[in-house]
Protein backbone atom coordinates (compact mmCIF):
# COMPACT_ATOMS: atom_id res chain seq x y z
CA MET A 1 0.00 0.00 0.00
CA LYS A 2 2.80 2.43 0.87
CA ILE A 3 4.53 1.80 -2.46
CA TRP A 4 1.28 2.42 -4.36
CA CYS A 5 0.60 5.67 -2.49
CA LEU A 6 4.10 7.04 -3.01
CA ARG A 7 4.13 6.18 -6.71
CA CYS A 8 0.83 8.00 -7.24
CA GLY A 9 1.96 11.05 -5.31
CA LEU A 10 -0.35 10.31 -2.37
CA GLU A 11 2.15 10.40 0.46
CA GLU A 12 -0.05 12.94 2.29
CA ASP A 13 -2.98 10.52 2.18
CA LEU A 14 -0.82 7.76 3.62
CA CYS A 15 0.22 10.02 6.51
CA LEU A 16 -3.39 10.94 7.24
CA PHE A 17 -4.34 7.25 7.08
CA ALA A 18 -1.65 6.51 9.68
CA VAL A 19 -2.95 9.27 11.99
CA ILE A 20 -6.53 7.97 11.74
CA GLY A 21 -5.31 4.43 12.47
CA TRP A 22 -3.39 5.67 15.49
CA MET A 23 -6.47 7.54 16.77
CA ILE A 24 -8.63 4.42 16.36
CA TRP A 25 -6.03 2.37 18.25
CA ALA A 26 -6.03 4.95 21.07
CA GLU A 27 -9.84 4.74 21.32
CA ARG A 28 -9.63 0.95 21.40
CA ASN A 29 -7.16 1.13 24.31
CA LYS A 30 -9.44 3.52 26.19
CA SER A 31 -12.31 1.08 25.74
CA LEU A 32 -10.25 -1.81 27.11
CA HIS A 33 -9.39 0.21 30.21
CA GLY A 34 -12.92 1.42 30.89
CA GLY A 35 -12.57 4.90 29.42
CA VAL A 36 -15.24 6.86 27.55
CA ILE A 37 -14.75 6.50 23.80
CA ARG A 38 -15.81 8.93 21.07
CA ASP A 39 -17.99 8.11 18.07
CA HIS A 40 -16.33 7.53 14.71
CA PHE A 41 -17.13 11.05 13.43
CA ALA A 42 -15.40 12.65 16.43
CA VAL A 43 -12.37 10.37 16.00
CA TYR A 44 -12.11 11.29 12.31
CA ASP A 45 -12.43 15.03 13.01
CA ALA A 46 -9.80 14.87 15.77
CA SER A 47 -7.49 13.07 13.33
CA LEU A 48 -7.84 15.89 10.79
CA VAL A 49 -6.98 18.56 13.36
CA PHE A 50 -4.01 16.56 14.70
CA TYR A 51 -2.73 15.95 11.16
CA LYS A 52 -2.96 19.66 10.21
CA ASP A 53 -1.06 20.71 13.34
CA PHE A 54 1.59 18.06 12.61
CA VAL A 55 2.01 19.17 8.97
CA ASP A 56 2.21 22.86 9.92
CA LEU A 57 4.88 22.08 12.50
CA CYS A 58 6.94 19.97 10.09
CA LEU A 59 6.69 22.21 7.03
CA SER A 60 6.82 25.69 8.51
CA PRO A 61 10.25 27.28 8.90
CA THR A 62 11.63 27.23 12.42
CA LEU A 63 10.92 30.57 14.07
CA PRO A 64 13.62 32.27 16.15
CA ARG A 65 12.89 33.72 19.56
CA HIS A 66 12.16 37.17 18.13
CA VAL A 67 8.98 36.12 16.35
CA ALA A 68 8.06 39.75 15.63
CA THR A 69 10.66 39.80 12.84
CA PHE A 70 8.27 37.53 10.92
CA CYS A 71 5.33 39.86 10.40
CA TRP A 72 2.97 40.93 7.64
CA LYS A 73 4.50 43.29 5.08
CA PRO A 74 2.63 45.41 2.51
CA PRO A 75 2.91 44.74 -1.22
CA GLU A 76 4.75 47.08 -3.57
CA GLY A 77 3.39 49.44 -6.22
CA ASP A 78 -0.11 48.72 -7.50
CA LEU A 79 -0.19 45.16 -6.17
CA LEU A 80 -2.64 43.98 -3.52
CA LYS A 81 -1.87 41.38 -0.89
CA LEU A 82 -4.43 38.69 -0.05
CA ASN A 83 -3.92 36.67 3.13
CA VAL A 84 -6.06 33.54 3.51
CA ASP A 85 -6.57 30.88 6.16
CA GLY A 86 -8.96 28.16 7.27
CA ALA A 87 -10.11 26.95 10.69
CA CYS A 88 -12.06 23.94 11.90
CA CYS A 89 -14.32 23.33 14.91
CA VAL A 90 -14.39 19.58 15.49
CA PRO A 91 -17.35 19.36 17.94
CA ASP A 92 -19.61 21.44 15.65
CA ARG A 93 -18.30 19.82 12.44
CA LYS A 94 -17.88 23.31 11.00
CA MET A 95 -15.17 25.05 8.99
CA GLY A 96 -14.35 28.74 8.74
CA LEU A 97 -12.64 30.43 5.79
CA GLY A 98 -11.00 33.83 6.28
CA ALA A 99 -9.38 36.37 3.96
CA VAL A 100 -8.12 39.96 4.15
CA VAL A 101 -6.92 42.23 1.31
CA ARG A 102 -4.63 45.24 1.80
CA ASN A 103 -2.77 47.58 -0.55
CA ALA A 104 0.72 49.09 -0.60
CA ASN A 105 -0.45 51.92 1.67
CA ARG A 106 -1.44 49.29 4.26
CA GLU A 107 -5.11 50.17 3.77
CA LEU A 108 -7.87 47.60 4.16
CA MET A 109 -9.46 46.78 0.79
CA GLY A 110 -11.77 43.96 1.84
CA VAL A 111 -12.37 41.01 4.14
CA MET A 112 -14.23 37.72 3.98
CA ALA A 113 -15.45 35.33 6.67
CA LYS A 114 -17.20 32.27 5.26
CA PRO A 115 -18.65 29.40 7.34
CA LEU A 116 -19.10 25.87 5.96
CA ILE A 117 -21.14 23.18 7.71
CA ARG A 118 -18.86 20.23 7.09
CA CYS A 119 -15.46 18.97 8.12
CA LEU A 120 -12.84 18.12 5.51
CA SER A 121 -9.12 17.45 5.58
CA PRO A 122 -6.81 20.36 6.53
CA LYS A 123 -5.47 20.51 2.98
CA ALA A 124 -9.04 20.66 1.63
CA PHE A 125 -10.30 23.50 3.81
CA GLU A 126 -7.12 25.51 3.25
CA ALA A 127 -7.61 25.06 -0.52
CA LEU A 128 -11.28 26.04 -0.19
CA ALA A 129 -10.26 29.19 1.68
CA MET A 130 -7.98 30.15 -1.19
CA ILE A 131 -10.63 29.34 -3.83
CA ALA A 132 -13.29 31.47 -2.11
CA SER A 133 -10.82 34.32 -1.59
CA CYS A 134 -9.63 34.30 -5.21
CA GLN A 135 -13.23 34.29 -6.44
CA MET A 136 -13.92 37.33 -4.23
CA GLU A 137 -10.95 39.17 -5.77
CA ILE A 138 -12.03 38.33 -9.32
CA ASP A 139 -15.63 39.42 -8.65
CA VAL A 140 -14.57 42.89 -7.45
CA GLY A 141 -12.03 43.35 -10.27
CA PHE A 142 -8.71 42.93 -8.44
CA THR A 143 -6.33 41.50 -11.06
CA ARG A 144 -2.81 42.07 -9.69
CA ILE A 145 -2.31 40.27 -6.42
CA ILE A 146 0.04 38.47 -4.05
CA ILE A 147 -1.54 35.59 -2.15
CA GLU A 148 -0.10 34.47 1.18
CA SER A 149 -1.01 31.35 3.18
CA ASP A 150 0.56 29.55 6.11
CA CYS A 151 -0.34 26.15 4.59
CA LEU A 152 2.83 25.05 2.80
CA GLU A 153 1.17 21.80 1.69
CA VAL A 154 -1.31 23.69 -0.53
CA ILE A 155 1.36 26.08 -1.83
CA LYS A 156 3.51 23.14 -2.94
CA ALA A 157 0.51 21.45 -4.59
CA ILE A 158 -0.29 24.62 -6.57
CA ASN A 159 3.27 24.90 -7.85
CA ARG A 160 3.42 21.32 -9.12
CA ILE A 161 3.03 21.04 -12.89
CA GLU A 162 1.53 17.55 -12.83
CA PHE A 163 -2.09 16.84 -11.90
CA ASP A 164 -2.62 16.51 -8.16
CA MET A 165 -3.52 12.86 -7.47
CA SER A 166 -4.44 13.31 -3.81
CA ILE A 167 -8.00 13.23 -2.46
CA GLU A 168 -8.03 17.03 -2.65
CA GLY A 169 -6.73 17.03 -6.23
CA GLU A 170 -9.88 18.44 -7.83
CA LEU A 171 -9.83 21.41 -5.44
CA ILE A 172 -6.17 22.07 -6.24
CA GLU A 173 -6.87 21.97 -9.99
CA GLU A 174 -9.88 24.29 -9.57
CA LEU A 175 -7.62 26.70 -7.70
CA LYS A 176 -5.00 26.58 -10.46
CA GLU A 177 -7.67 27.49 -13.03
CA LEU A 178 -8.74 30.50 -10.95
CA LEU A 179 -5.16 31.74 -10.68
CA TYR A 180 -4.89 31.91 -14.48
CA ARG A 181 -7.61 34.59 -14.47
CA PHE A 182 -5.37 37.15 -12.76
CA VAL A 183 -3.18 39.51 -14.78
CA PHE A 184 -0.44 39.03 -12.18
CA VAL A 185 -0.46 36.58 -9.29
CA SER A 186 2.19 35.27 -6.90
CA VAL A 187 1.35 32.59 -4.33
CA GLN A 188 3.68 32.55 -1.33
CA HIS A 189 4.04 30.68 1.94
CA GLN A 190 4.38 32.67 5.15
CA PRO A 191 4.43 31.59 8.82
CA ARG A 192 1.33 32.03 10.97
CA THR A 193 2.71 35.28 12.44
CA CYS A 194 2.41 36.87 8.97
CA ASN A 195 -1.10 35.51 8.50
CA PHE A 196 -2.63 36.39 11.85
CA VAL A 197 -5.52 38.58 10.65
CA ALA A 198 -6.73 35.96 8.14
CA HIS A 199 -6.53 33.33 10.87
CA GLN A 200 -8.70 35.43 13.19
CA LEU A 201 -11.24 35.93 10.39
CA ALA A 202 -11.36 32.17 9.82
CA LYS A 203 -12.03 31.66 13.54
CA PHE A 204 -14.68 34.40 13.44
CA ALA A 205 -16.38 32.59 10.53
CA LEU A 206 -16.97 29.60 12.83
CA SER A 207 -19.47 31.75 14.76
CA CYS A 208 -21.24 33.05 11.63
CA ASN A 209 -24.39 31.66 10.05
CA GLU A 210 -23.72 33.12 6.62
CA ILE A 211 -20.86 34.51 4.57
CA CYS A 212 -19.68 37.99 5.56
CA TYR A 213 -18.08 40.43 3.09
CA ARG A 214 -16.84 43.92 3.85
CA MET A 215 -15.01 46.19 1.45
CA GLU A 216 -12.77 49.01 2.75
CA GLU A 217 -14.21 48.79 6.25
CA GLY A 218 -14.25 46.42 9.18
CA SER A 219 -15.37 45.88 12.76
CA SER A 220 -13.52 47.34 15.73
CA TRP A 221 -12.06 43.97 16.73
CA LEU A 222 -10.75 43.50 13.19
CA HIS A 223 -9.09 46.92 13.20
CA SER A 224 -7.31 46.03 16.44
CA TYR A 225 -5.68 43.04 14.70
CA LEU A 226 -4.80 45.18 11.68
CA GLN A 227 -3.18 47.75 13.95
CA ASN A 228 -1.13 45.00 15.60
CA ASP A 229 0.29 44.12 12.16
CA LEU A 230 1.21 47.76 11.60
CA ARG A 231 2.84 48.09 15.02
CA PHE A 232 5.02 45.02 14.37
CA LEU A 233 5.89 46.41 10.94
CA HIS A 234 6.81 49.79 12.42
CA CYS A 235 9.18 48.08 14.87
CA ILE A 236 10.91 46.24 12.01
CA ASP A 237 11.21 49.41 9.91
CA GLU A 238 12.94 51.16 12.78
């Protein structure tokens, strides 16, 4: 099985399969020792969250002690910067997609918080966050953009020339098609510290009942996170 997965480019699926198997084994041991076991949906959801945390830890660059040196930076010239992220609430079986767009003057151009009532793999909901965000940019006429995400797994999948053979392959290919519609686009990986506002929007989406768009404005709590980015940036500039 391992040989087949690796030959087809499905190493990520094999890793997730191993995590799910390990979670099932842990539940079996709890049952043998009189513990309270979770239903199979809860075990699967917990496996997805554990796997995403594991992948982020393995793939993200090691951060030094002075984490503030890794902060959001504005784009140059007439480019816009789109930061995207996804979040998952296992007990509610709900996903949140978040995005924020800013220009070279560090001004807010738009935000998105989109809830989804389902639970998919970490790679899938990160790809969905990017798809929804790109569609938002295309709909409002933004054509020159830098996209940043803290999910290196999706970034690598986008940059592969060959068709993505993983379970999330169709989402990756849909995302590639959307990217061709921009006049200029650059997709980059950044650590979570550079993607903090998008992450907070994704978490906010978990509490929403419908998709939330705002252009050139935002709530007070959102502005506090935006100001934090600017304060970190000001410290670096000095």
